[in-house]
Amino acid sequence: MDDGVELLWRDRDDESAPRAGLNLDRIVRAGIELADAEGLDGLSMRKVADRLGFTTMSLYRHVPGRDQLVALMRDTAIGEHLADEEEPAGAGWRPRLEAMIRQGWRCRRRHPWLAEVRGTRNVPGPNAVALFDRMLSTLTGTPLHPREVIAAVNLVGRFMDAEALTLVETLREERSSGVSEEEWWGARDSLYERLPAYPTITRLWETGGWDAPEDSFEFGLRRILDGIEALIQERDEKRDETCAECGNKLDPAPSGRPRVYCSRACQQRAYRRRRTP
């Protein structure tokens, strides 16, 4: 049995209401509070136990170890994203997807450590799967091929994590040094004295390039959505020219109604998928 999956996907209805004593919900909440304050580097079973006023061994009766605790914390934090969701009624794909990205960004600003849960083998919990499903749904009504829908949503997720990692790194440096990011860079006079030797940097500096920097999240969000929109427009223009199953170019139909699939194999695959419950 995969204990990590069983714990993440446990039936919440089978759990008793929170009590004053130790329980899994209190452990997860304490872990989130600790990670919010110190990042994942500061998270340990001992620190969580100390925060709750219990022994470390008592935690292991509820959660097998730190990795499983982090997985539970991640899914609980993602649940906040789902709870905050306010999807624009009757809106098209772009406002819907943008709203979900902004909600995800707010969640990551509250919990920057979410971006520290790295790797390709993190088993998702029910909240993570529900969120992924909702994000995919924003693009499934567009001309994008199914694989492009998945790729676009994955791109959005990586963008949010990359932005959140910058927050994590900034907070880590400020905690360890006691010096703010602005103060640290403001004290690098010896570096700035050397920069006039670089003409492009100097020209951008003199023309105000650093006076009011672009917000990296807002800039990146607009560019990503613009890119997805351009791809959707391209697919829409070629909707009748490509195979509805594999996306390959269709040969012109000799007569009759336009072709939908490039081969009988693609037609059969599409038919089987529609028949699959």
C-alpha atoms as a PDB file:
ATOM      1  CA  MET A   1       0.000   0.000   0.000  1.00  0.00           C
ATOM      2  CA  ASP A   2       1.248   3.505  -0.850  1.00  0.00           C
ATOM      3  CA  ASP A   3       0.881   5.249   2.516  1.00  0.00           C
ATOM      4  CA  GLY A   4       1.430   8.673   0.953  1.00  0.00           C
ATOM      5  CA  VAL A   5      -1.497   8.249  -1.450  1.00  0.00           C
ATOM      6  CA  GLU A   6      -3.764   6.706   1.197  1.00  0.00           C
ATOM      7  CA  LEU A   7      -3.062   9.574   3.589  1.00  0.00           C
ATOM      8  CA  LEU A   8      -3.595  12.273   0.976  1.00  0.00           C
ATOM      9  CA  TRP A   9      -6.770  10.703  -0.364  1.00  0.00           C
ATOM     10  CA  ARG A  10      -8.226   9.608   2.975  1.00  0.00           C
ATOM     11  CA  ASP A  11     -11.969  10.007   3.441  1.00  0.00           C
ATOM     12  CA  ARG A  12     -12.390  13.244   5.401  1.00  0.00           C
ATOM     13  CA  ASP A  13     -15.913  12.217   6.366  1.00  0.00           C
ATOM     14  CA  ASP A  14     -14.426   9.404   8.431  1.00  0.00           C
ATOM     15  CA  GLU A  15     -12.467  11.836  10.608  1.00  0.00           C
ATOM     16  CA  SER A  16     -13.871  13.038  13.873  1.00  0.00           C
ATOM     17  CA  ALA A  17     -14.314  16.749  14.544  1.00  0.00           C
ATOM     18  CA  PRO A  18     -11.154  18.580  15.704  1.00  0.00           C
ATOM     19  CA  ARG A  19     -10.465  18.122  19.393  1.00  0.00           C
ATOM     20  CA  ALA A  20      -8.155  19.812  21.867  1.00  0.00           C
ATOM     21  CA  GLY A  21      -5.733  16.889  21.594  1.00  0.00           C
ATOM     22  CA  LEU A  22      -3.336  16.091  18.790  1.00  0.00           C
ATOM     23  CA  ASN A  23      -4.795  15.232  15.389  1.00  0.00           C
ATOM     24  CA  LEU A  24      -3.702  15.284  11.769  1.00  0.00           C
ATOM     25  CA  ASP A  25      -5.390  18.594  10.948  1.00  0.00           C
ATOM     26  CA  ARG A  26      -3.578  20.379  13.791  1.00  0.00           C
ATOM     27  CA  ILE A  27      -0.256  18.887  12.712  1.00  0.00           C
ATOM     28  CA  VAL A  28      -0.736  20.016   9.101  1.00  0.00           C
ATOM     29  CA  ARG A  29      -1.794  23.524  10.148  1.00  0.00           C
ATOM     30  CA  ALA A  30       1.198  23.836  12.457  1.00  0.00           C
ATOM     31  CA  GLY A  31       3.469  22.693   9.623  1.00  0.00           C
ATOM     32  CA  ILE A  32       1.999  25.352   7.299  1.00  0.00           C
ATOM     33  CA  GLU A  33       2.488  28.086   9.903  1.00  0.00           C
ATOM     34  CA  LEU A  34       6.086  27.010  10.441  1.00  0.00           C
ATOM     35  CA  ALA A  35       6.856  26.871   6.707  1.00  0.00           C
ATOM     36  CA  ASP A  36       5.210  30.284   6.186  1.00  0.00           C
ATOM     37  CA  ALA A  37       7.537  31.721   8.826  1.00  0.00           C
ATOM     38  CA  GLU A  38      10.768  29.863   8.065  1.00  0.00           C
ATOM     39  CA  GLY A  39      10.400  28.200   4.656  1.00  0.00           C
ATOM     40  CA  LEU A  40      10.710  24.469   4.069  1.00  0.00           C
ATOM     41  CA  ASP A  41      14.311  24.598   5.273  1.00  0.00           C
ATOM     42  CA  GLY A  42      12.978  25.426   8.726  1.00  0.00           C
ATOM     43  CA  LEU A  43      10.409  22.637   8.770  1.00  0.00           C
ATOM     44  CA  SER A  44      11.070  19.548  10.871  1.00  0.00           C
ATOM     45  CA  MET A  45       8.916  17.101  12.768  1.00  0.00           C
ATOM     46  CA  ARG A  46      10.577  18.233  16.007  1.00  0.00           C
ATOM     47  CA  LYS A  47       9.761  21.901  15.396  1.00  0.00           C
ATOM     48  CA  VAL A  48       6.155  21.055  14.548  1.00  0.00           C
ATOM     49  CA  ALA A  49       5.873  18.982  17.738  1.00  0.00           C
ATOM     50  CA  ASP A  50       7.368  21.805  19.810  1.00  0.00           C
ATOM     51  CA  ARG A  51       4.924  24.260  18.276  1.00  0.00           C
ATOM     52  CA  LEU A  52       2.026  22.026  19.320  1.00  0.00           C
ATOM     53  CA  GLY A  53       3.430  21.152  22.745  1.00  0.00           C
ATOM     54  CA  PHE A  54       3.772  17.421  22.071  1.00  0.00           C
ATOM     55  CA  THR A  55       6.672  15.010  21.688  1.00  0.00           C
ATOM     56  CA  THR A  56       8.073  14.319  18.234  1.00  0.00           C
ATOM     57  CA  MET A  57       7.178  10.622  18.512  1.00  0.00           C
ATOM     58  CA  SER A  58       3.518  11.505  19.077  1.00  0.00           C
ATOM     59  CA  LEU A  59       3.387  13.049  15.592  1.00  0.00           C
ATOM     60  CA  TYR A  60       4.405   9.765  13.971  1.00  0.00           C
ATOM     61  CA  ARG A  61       1.152   8.158  15.151  1.00  0.00           C
ATOM     62  CA  HIS A  62      -0.622  10.474  12.706  1.00  0.00           C
ATOM     63  CA  VAL A  63       1.836  11.036   9.829  1.00  0.00           C
ATOM     64  CA  PRO A  64       4.720   8.714   8.805  1.00  0.00           C
ATOM     65  CA  GLY A  65       7.327  11.426   8.260  1.00  0.00           C
ATOM     66  CA  ARG A  66       8.311  14.846   6.976  1.00  0.00           C
ATOM     67  CA  ASP A  67       7.772  14.043   3.270  1.00  0.00           C
ATOM     68  CA  GLN A  68       4.199  12.945   3.892  1.00  0.00           C
ATOM     69  CA  LEU A  69       3.614  16.017   6.060  1.00  0.00           C
ATOM     70  CA  VAL A  70       4.827  18.324   3.284  1.00  0.00           C
ATOM     71  CA  ALA A  71       2.490  16.587   0.806  1.00  0.00           C
ATOM     72  CA  LEU A  72      -0.455  17.138   3.173  1.00  0.00           C
ATOM     73  CA  MET A  73       0.549  20.761   3.745  1.00  0.00           C
ATOM     74  CA  ARG A  74       0.761  21.364  -0.002  1.00  0.00           C
ATOM     75  CA  ASP A  75      -2.671  19.932  -0.705  1.00  0.00           C
ATOM     76  CA  THR A  76      -4.220  21.855   2.199  1.00  0.00           C
ATOM     77  CA  ALA A  77      -2.705  25.134   0.969  1.00  0.00           C
ATOM     78  CA  ILE A  78      -3.938  24.438  -2.575  1.00  0.00           C
ATOM     79  CA  GLY A  79      -7.380  23.943  -1.032  1.00  0.00           C
ATOM     80  CA  GLU A  80      -7.261  27.631  -0.059  1.00  0.00           C
ATOM     81  CA  HIS A  81      -6.816  28.465  -3.748  1.00  0.00           C
ATOM     82  CA  LEU A  82      -9.946  26.487  -4.585  1.00  0.00           C
ATOM     83  CA  ALA A  83     -11.879  28.165  -1.768  1.00  0.00           C
ATOM     84  CA  ASP A  84     -10.843  31.637  -3.011  1.00  0.00           C
ATOM     85  CA  GLU A  85     -11.829  30.908  -6.588  1.00  0.00           C
ATOM     86  CA  GLU A  86     -14.213  33.393  -8.170  1.00  0.00           C
ATOM     87  CA  GLU A  87     -14.567  32.421 -11.800  1.00  0.00           C
ATOM     88  CA  PRO A  88     -15.960  35.219 -14.006  1.00  0.00           C
ATOM     89  CA  ALA A  89     -19.487  34.209 -14.973  1.00  0.00           C
ATOM     90  CA  GLY A  90     -19.982  33.634 -18.692  1.00  0.00           C
ATOM     91  CA  ALA A  91     -16.462  34.788 -19.503  1.00  0.00           C
ATOM     92  CA  GLY A  92     -14.216  33.400 -22.210  1.00  0.00           C
ATOM     93  CA  TRP A  93     -11.141  31.267 -21.688  1.00  0.00           C
ATOM     94  CA  ARG A  94      -8.725  34.164 -21.086  1.00  0.00           C
ATOM     95  CA  PRO A  95     -10.554  35.915 -18.200  1.00  0.00           C
ATOM     96  CA  ARG A  96     -11.238  32.529 -16.596  1.00  0.00           C
ATOM     97  CA  LEU A  97      -7.643  31.334 -16.846  1.00  0.00           C
ATOM     98  CA  GLU A  98      -6.273  34.717 -15.753  1.00  0.00           C
ATOM     99  CA  ALA A  99      -8.537  34.729 -12.688  1.00  0.00           C
ATOM    100  CA  MET A 100      -7.279  31.284 -11.691  1.00  0.00           C
ATOM    101  CA  ILE A 101      -3.639  32.299 -12.178  1.00  0.00           C
ATOM    102  CA  ARG A 102      -4.131  35.387 -10.015  1.00  0.00           C
ATOM    103  CA  GLN A 103      -5.775  33.290  -7.324  1.00  0.00           C
ATOM    104  CA  GLY A 104      -2.838  30.883  -7.490  1.00  0.00           C
ATOM    105  CA  TRP A 105      -0.400  33.781  -7.174  1.00  0.00           C
ATOM    106  CA  ARG A 106      -2.184  35.108  -4.086  1.00  0.00           C
ATOM    107  CA  CYS A 107      -1.971  31.623  -2.582  1.00  0.00           C
ATOM    108  CA  ARG A 108       1.766  31.456  -3.337  1.00  0.00           C
ATOM    109  CA  ARG A 109       2.349  34.871  -1.799  1.00  0.00           C
ATOM    110  CA  ARG A 110       0.717  33.604   1.388  1.00  0.00           C
ATOM    111  CA  HIS A 111       2.670  30.346   1.185  1.00  0.00           C
ATOM    112  CA  PRO A 112       5.855  30.919  -0.897  1.00  0.00           C
ATOM    113  CA  TRP A 113       7.221  27.530   0.207  1.00  0.00           C
ATOM    114  CA  LEU A 114       4.745  25.864  -2.177  1.00  0.00           C
ATOM    115  CA  ALA A 115       7.258  26.545  -4.934  1.00  0.00           C
ATOM    116  CA  GLU A 116       9.941  24.713  -2.931  1.00  0.00           C
ATOM    117  CA  VAL A 117       8.086  21.407  -3.237  1.00  0.00           C
ATOM    118  CA  ARG A 118      10.187  20.357  -6.195  1.00  0.00           C
ATOM    119  CA  GLY A 119      10.653  17.188  -8.208  1.00  0.00           C
ATOM    120  CA  THR A 120       8.685  15.190 -10.750  1.00  0.00           C
ATOM    121  CA  ARG A 121       7.345  12.533  -8.372  1.00  0.00           C
ATOM    122  CA  ASN A 122       5.199  14.482  -5.946  1.00  0.00           C
ATOM    123  CA  VAL A 123       1.923  12.593  -5.705  1.00  0.00           C
ATOM    124  CA  PRO A 124      -0.968  15.094  -5.987  1.00  0.00           C
ATOM    125  CA  GLY A 125      -3.767  15.136  -3.460  1.00  0.00           C
ATOM    126  CA  PRO A 126      -7.468  15.707  -4.173  1.00  0.00           C
ATOM    127  CA  ASN A 127      -7.213  19.512  -4.033  1.00  0.00           C
ATOM    128  CA  ALA A 128      -4.267  19.566  -6.441  1.00  0.00           C
ATOM    129  CA  VAL A 129      -6.088  17.288  -8.890  1.00  0.00           C
ATOM    130  CA  ALA A 130      -9.294  19.359  -8.626  1.00  0.00           C
ATOM    131  CA  LEU A 131      -7.340  22.558  -9.305  1.00  0.00           C
ATOM    132  CA  PHE A 132      -5.542  21.019 -12.294  1.00  0.00           C
ATOM    133  CA  ASP A 133      -8.871  19.813 -13.669  1.00  0.00           C
ATOM    134  CA  ARG A 134     -10.419  23.282 -13.365  1.00  0.00           C
ATOM    135  CA  MET A 135      -7.475  24.947 -15.057  1.00  0.00           C
ATOM    136  CA  LEU A 136      -7.608  22.447 -17.914  1.00  0.00           C
ATOM    137  CA  SER A 137     -11.326  23.164 -18.296  1.00  0.00           C
ATOM    138  CA  THR A 138     -10.624  26.821 -19.132  1.00  0.00           C
ATOM    139  CA  LEU A 139      -8.970  25.782 -22.407  1.00  0.00           C
ATOM    140  CA  THR A 140     -10.861  22.654 -23.420  1.00  0.00           C
ATOM    141  CA  GLY A 141     -13.443  24.624 -25.403  1.00  0.00           C
ATOM    142  CA  THR A 142     -10.771  26.209 -27.593  1.00  0.00           C
ATOM    143  CA  PRO A 143      -9.297  24.890 -30.872  1.00  0.00           C
ATOM    144  CA  LEU A 144      -6.160  23.767 -29.018  1.00  0.00           C
ATOM    145  CA  HIS A 145      -5.208  20.112 -29.338  1.00  0.00           C
ATOM    146  CA  PRO A 146      -5.561  18.188 -26.034  1.00  0.00           C
ATOM    147  CA  ARG A 147      -1.781  17.942 -25.659  1.00  0.00           C
ATOM    148  CA  GLU A 148      -1.528  21.723 -26.135  1.00  0.00           C
ATOM    149  CA  VAL A 149      -4.139  22.317 -23.438  1.00  0.00           C
ATOM    150  CA  ILE A 150      -2.064  20.258 -21.001  1.00  0.00           C
ATOM    151  CA  ALA A 151       1.184  21.948 -22.066  1.00  0.00           C
ATOM    152  CA  ALA A 152      -0.305  25.432 -21.645  1.00  0.00           C
ATOM    153  CA  VAL A 153      -1.594  24.733 -18.133  1.00  0.00           C
ATOM    154  CA  ASN A 154       1.733  23.156 -17.137  1.00  0.00           C
ATOM    155  CA  LEU A 155       3.521  26.260 -18.468  1.00  0.00           C
ATOM    156  CA  VAL A 156       1.328  28.484 -16.314  1.00  0.00           C
ATOM    157  CA  GLY A 157       2.091  26.398 -13.228  1.00  0.00           C
ATOM    158  CA  ARG A 158       5.841  26.548 -13.830  1.00  0.00           C
ATOM    159  CA  PHE A 159       5.641  30.321 -14.314  1.00  0.00           C
ATOM    160  CA  MET A 160       3.889  30.816 -10.960  1.00  0.00           C
ATOM    161  CA  ASP A 161       6.404  28.571  -9.200  1.00  0.00           C
ATOM    162  CA  ALA A 162       9.345  30.423 -10.767  1.00  0.00           C
ATOM    163  CA  GLU A 163       7.983  33.750  -9.555  1.00  0.00           C
ATOM    164  CA  ALA A 164       7.294  32.323  -6.112  1.00  0.00           C
ATOM    165  CA  LEU A 165      10.844  30.930  -5.885  1.00  0.00           C
ATOM    166  CA  THR A 166      12.132  34.495  -6.189  1.00  0.00           C
ATOM    167  CA  LEU A 167      10.028  35.384  -3.143  1.00  0.00           C
ATOM    168  CA  VAL A 168      11.404  32.358  -1.293  1.00  0.00           C
ATOM    169  CA  GLU A 169      15.011  33.253  -2.076  1.00  0.00           C
ATOM    170  CA  THR A 170      14.496  36.886  -1.076  1.00  0.00           C
ATOM    171  CA  LEU A 171      12.884  35.943   2.233  1.00  0.00           C
ATOM    172  CA  ARG A 172      15.623  33.380   2.947  1.00  0.00           C
ATOM    173  CA  GLU A 173      18.387  35.950   2.386  1.00  0.00           C
ATOM    174  CA  GLU A 174      16.628  38.573   4.486  1.00  0.00           C
ATOM    175  CA  ARG A 175      16.068  36.122   7.346  1.00  0.00           C
ATOM    176  CA  SER A 176      19.657  34.906   7.367  1.00  0.00           C
ATOM    177  CA  SER A 177      21.302  38.348   6.994  1.00  0.00           C
ATOM    178  CA  GLY A 178      18.861  40.650   8.759  1.00  0.00           C
ATOM    179  CA  VAL A 179      19.267  43.037   5.807  1.00  0.00           C
ATOM    180  CA  SER A 180      16.470  43.844   3.374  1.00  0.00           C
ATOM    181  CA  GLU A 181      16.893  43.294  -0.372  1.00  0.00           C
ATOM    182  CA  GLU A 182      16.741  47.043  -1.043  1.00  0.00           C
ATOM    183  CA  GLU A 183      19.354  47.825   1.632  1.00  0.00           C
ATOM    184  CA  TRP A 184      21.707  45.097   0.383  1.00  0.00           C
ATOM    185  CA  TRP A 185      21.664  46.257  -3.247  1.00  0.00           C
ATOM    186  CA  GLY A 186      21.833  49.886  -2.158  1.00  0.00           C
ATOM    187  CA  ALA A 187      25.203  49.174  -0.552  1.00  0.00           C
ATOM    188  CA  ARG A 188      26.854  47.801  -3.715  1.00  0.00           C
ATOM    189  CA  ASP A 189      28.557  51.083  -4.700  1.00  0.00           C
ATOM    190  CA  SER A 190      31.765  49.337  -5.779  1.00  0.00           C
ATOM    191  CA  LEU A 191      29.729  47.348  -8.332  1.00  0.00           C
ATOM    192  CA  TYR A 192      27.912  50.396  -9.708  1.00  0.00           C
ATOM    193  CA  GLU A 193      31.216  52.210 -10.241  1.00  0.00           C
ATOM    194  CA  ARG A 194      32.172  49.503 -12.761  1.00  0.00           C
ATOM    195  CA  LEU A 195      28.947  49.453 -14.774  1.00  0.00           C
ATOM    196  CA  PRO A 196      29.559  52.539 -16.976  1.00  0.00           C
ATOM    197  CA  ALA A 197      32.015  50.395 -18.973  1.00  0.00           C
ATOM    198  CA  TYR A 198      29.016  48.448 -20.335  1.00  0.00           C
ATOM    199  CA  PRO A 199      27.255  50.564 -22.997  1.00  0.00           C
ATOM    200  CA  THR A 200      23.883  48.820 -23.203  1.00  0.00           C
ATOM    201  CA  ILE A 201      23.395  48.764 -19.438  1.00  0.00           C
ATOM    202  CA  THR A 202      24.463  52.416 -19.265  1.00  0.00           C
ATOM    203  CA  ARG A 203      22.086  53.470 -22.037  1.00  0.00           C
ATOM    204  CA  LEU A 204      19.134  51.678 -20.439  1.00  0.00           C
ATOM    205  CA  TRP A 205      20.028  53.183 -17.067  1.00  0.00           C
ATOM    206  CA  GLU A 206      20.246  56.706 -18.466  1.00  0.00           C
ATOM    207  CA  THR A 207      16.934  56.350 -20.317  1.00  0.00           C
ATOM    208  CA  GLY A 208      15.084  55.278 -17.161  1.00  0.00           C
ATOM    209  CA  GLY A 209      15.003  51.528 -17.661  1.00  0.00           C
ATOM    210  CA  TRP A 210      15.411  50.900 -13.930  1.00  0.00           C
ATOM    211  CA  ASP A 211      13.405  53.884 -12.653  1.00  0.00           C
ATOM    212  CA  ALA A 212      10.082  52.041 -12.548  1.00  0.00           C
ATOM    213  CA  PRO A 213      10.747  48.337 -13.270  1.00  0.00           C
ATOM    214  CA  GLU A 214       8.023  46.166 -14.714  1.00  0.00           C
ATOM    215  CA  ASP A 215       6.306  43.916 -12.194  1.00  0.00           C
ATOM    216  CA  SER A 216       7.755  40.552 -13.226  1.00  0.00           C
ATOM    217  CA  PHE A 217       4.555  38.634 -12.436  1.00  0.00           C
ATOM    218  CA  GLU A 218       2.271  41.037 -14.308  1.00  0.00           C
ATOM    219  CA  PHE A 219       4.644  41.243 -17.277  1.00  0.00           C
ATOM    220  CA  GLY A 220       5.067  37.467 -17.478  1.00  0.00           C
ATOM    221  CA  LEU A 221       1.345  36.805 -17.059  1.00  0.00           C
ATOM    222  CA  ARG A 222       0.436  39.107 -19.942  1.00  0.00           C
ATOM    223  CA  ARG A 223       3.054  37.608 -22.230  1.00  0.00           C
ATOM    224  CA  ILE A 224       2.035  34.012 -21.472  1.00  0.00           C
ATOM    225  CA  LEU A 225      -1.656  34.736 -22.030  1.00  0.00           C
ATOM    226  CA  ASP A 226      -0.821  36.627 -25.233  1.00  0.00           C
ATOM    227  CA  GLY A 227       1.142  33.596 -26.437  1.00  0.00           C
ATOM    228  CA  ILE A 228      -1.707  31.182 -25.675  1.00  0.00           C
ATOM    229  CA  GLU A 229      -4.152  33.533 -27.383  1.00  0.00           C
ATOM    230  CA  ALA A 230      -1.959  33.728 -30.490  1.00  0.00           C
ATOM    231  CA  LEU A 231      -1.812  29.922 -30.639  1.00  0.00           C
ATOM    232  CA  ILE A 232      -5.585  29.655 -30.252  1.00  0.00           C
ATOM    233  CA  GLN A 233      -6.084  32.147 -33.092  1.00  0.00           C
ATOM    234  CA  GLU A 234      -3.660  30.182 -35.252  1.00  0.00           C
ATOM    235  CA  ARG A 235      -5.454  26.918 -34.512  1.00  0.00           C
ATOM    236  CA  ASP A 236      -8.832  28.549 -35.156  1.00  0.00           C
ATOM    237  CA  GLU A 237      -7.705  29.784 -38.553  1.00  0.00           C
ATOM    238  CA  LYS A 238      -6.491  26.289 -39.448  1.00  0.00           C
ATOM    239  CA  ARG A 239      -9.318  24.393 -37.769  1.00  0.00           C
ATOM    240  CA  ASP A 240     -10.443  22.849 -41.055  1.00  0.00           C
ATOM    241  CA  GLU A 241      -6.884  22.161 -42.232  1.00  0.00           C
ATOM    242  CA  THR A 242      -5.610  19.905 -39.455  1.00  0.00           C
ATOM    243  CA  CYS A 243      -6.598  16.514 -38.065  1.00  0.00           C
ATOM    244  CA  ALA A 244      -8.922  16.784 -35.070  1.00  0.00           C
ATOM    245  CA  GLU A 245      -7.098  13.880 -33.381  1.00  0.00           C
ATOM    246  CA  CYS A 246      -3.358  14.306 -33.996  1.00  0.00           C
ATOM    247  CA  GLY A 247      -3.120  17.866 -35.322  1.00  0.00           C
ATOM    248  CA  ASN A 248      -1.308  16.876 -38.520  1.00  0.00           C
ATOM    249  CA  LYS A 249      -2.098  18.689 -41.743  1.00  0.00           C
ATOM    250  CA  LEU A 250      -5.031  17.294 -43.725  1.00  0.00           C
ATOM    251  CA  ASP A 251      -4.871  16.590 -47.430  1.00  0.00           C
ATOM    252  CA  PRO A 252      -7.630  18.369 -49.352  1.00  0.00           C
ATOM    253  CA  ALA A 253     -10.813  16.319 -49.611  1.00  0.00           C
ATOM    254  CA  PRO A 254     -11.403  15.180 -53.224  1.00  0.00           C
ATOM    255  CA  SER A 255     -15.125  15.882 -52.942  1.00  0.00           C
ATOM    256  CA  GLY A 256     -18.000  16.048 -50.511  1.00  0.00           C
ATOM    257  CA  ARG A 257     -17.802  17.400 -46.992  1.00  0.00           C
ATOM    258  CA  PRO A 258     -14.395  18.475 -45.541  1.00  0.00           C
ATOM    259  CA  ARG A 259     -12.187  15.855 -43.899  1.00  0.00           C
ATOM    260  CA  VAL A 260     -11.903  15.809 -40.099  1.00  0.00           C
ATOM    261  CA  TYR A 261      -9.221  13.145 -39.582  1.00  0.00           C
ATOM    262  CA  CYS A 262      -6.004  12.505 -41.507  1.00  0.00           C
ATOM    263  CA  SER A 263      -6.385   8.712 -41.376  1.00  0.00           C
ATOM    264  CA  ARG A 264      -8.755   5.966 -40.384  1.00  0.00           C
ATOM    265  CA  ALA A 265      -6.507   5.191 -37.402  1.00  0.00           C
ATOM    266  CA  CYS A 266      -7.023   8.728 -36.019  1.00  0.00           C
ATOM    267  CA  GLN A 267     -10.761   8.438 -36.617  1.00  0.00           C
ATOM    268  CA  GLN A 268     -10.874   5.150 -34.692  1.00  0.00           C
ATOM    269  CA  ARG A 269      -8.808   6.565 -31.807  1.00  0.00           C
ATOM    270  CA  ALA A 270     -11.160   9.518 -31.510  1.00  0.00           C
ATOM    271  CA  TYR A 271     -14.171   7.196 -31.593  1.00  0.00           C
ATOM    272  CA  ARG A 272     -12.734   4.930 -28.879  1.00  0.00           C
ATOM    273  CA  ARG A 273     -11.948   7.920 -26.655  1.00  0.00           C
ATOM    274  CA  ARG A 274     -15.478   9.242 -26.942  1.00  0.00           C
ATOM    275  CA  ARG A 275     -16.875   5.814 -26.061  1.00  0.00           C
ATOM    276  CA  THR A 276     -14.605   5.453 -23.022  1.00  0.00           C
ATOM    277  CA  PRO A 277     -16.487   6.383 -19.834  1.00  0.00           C
END
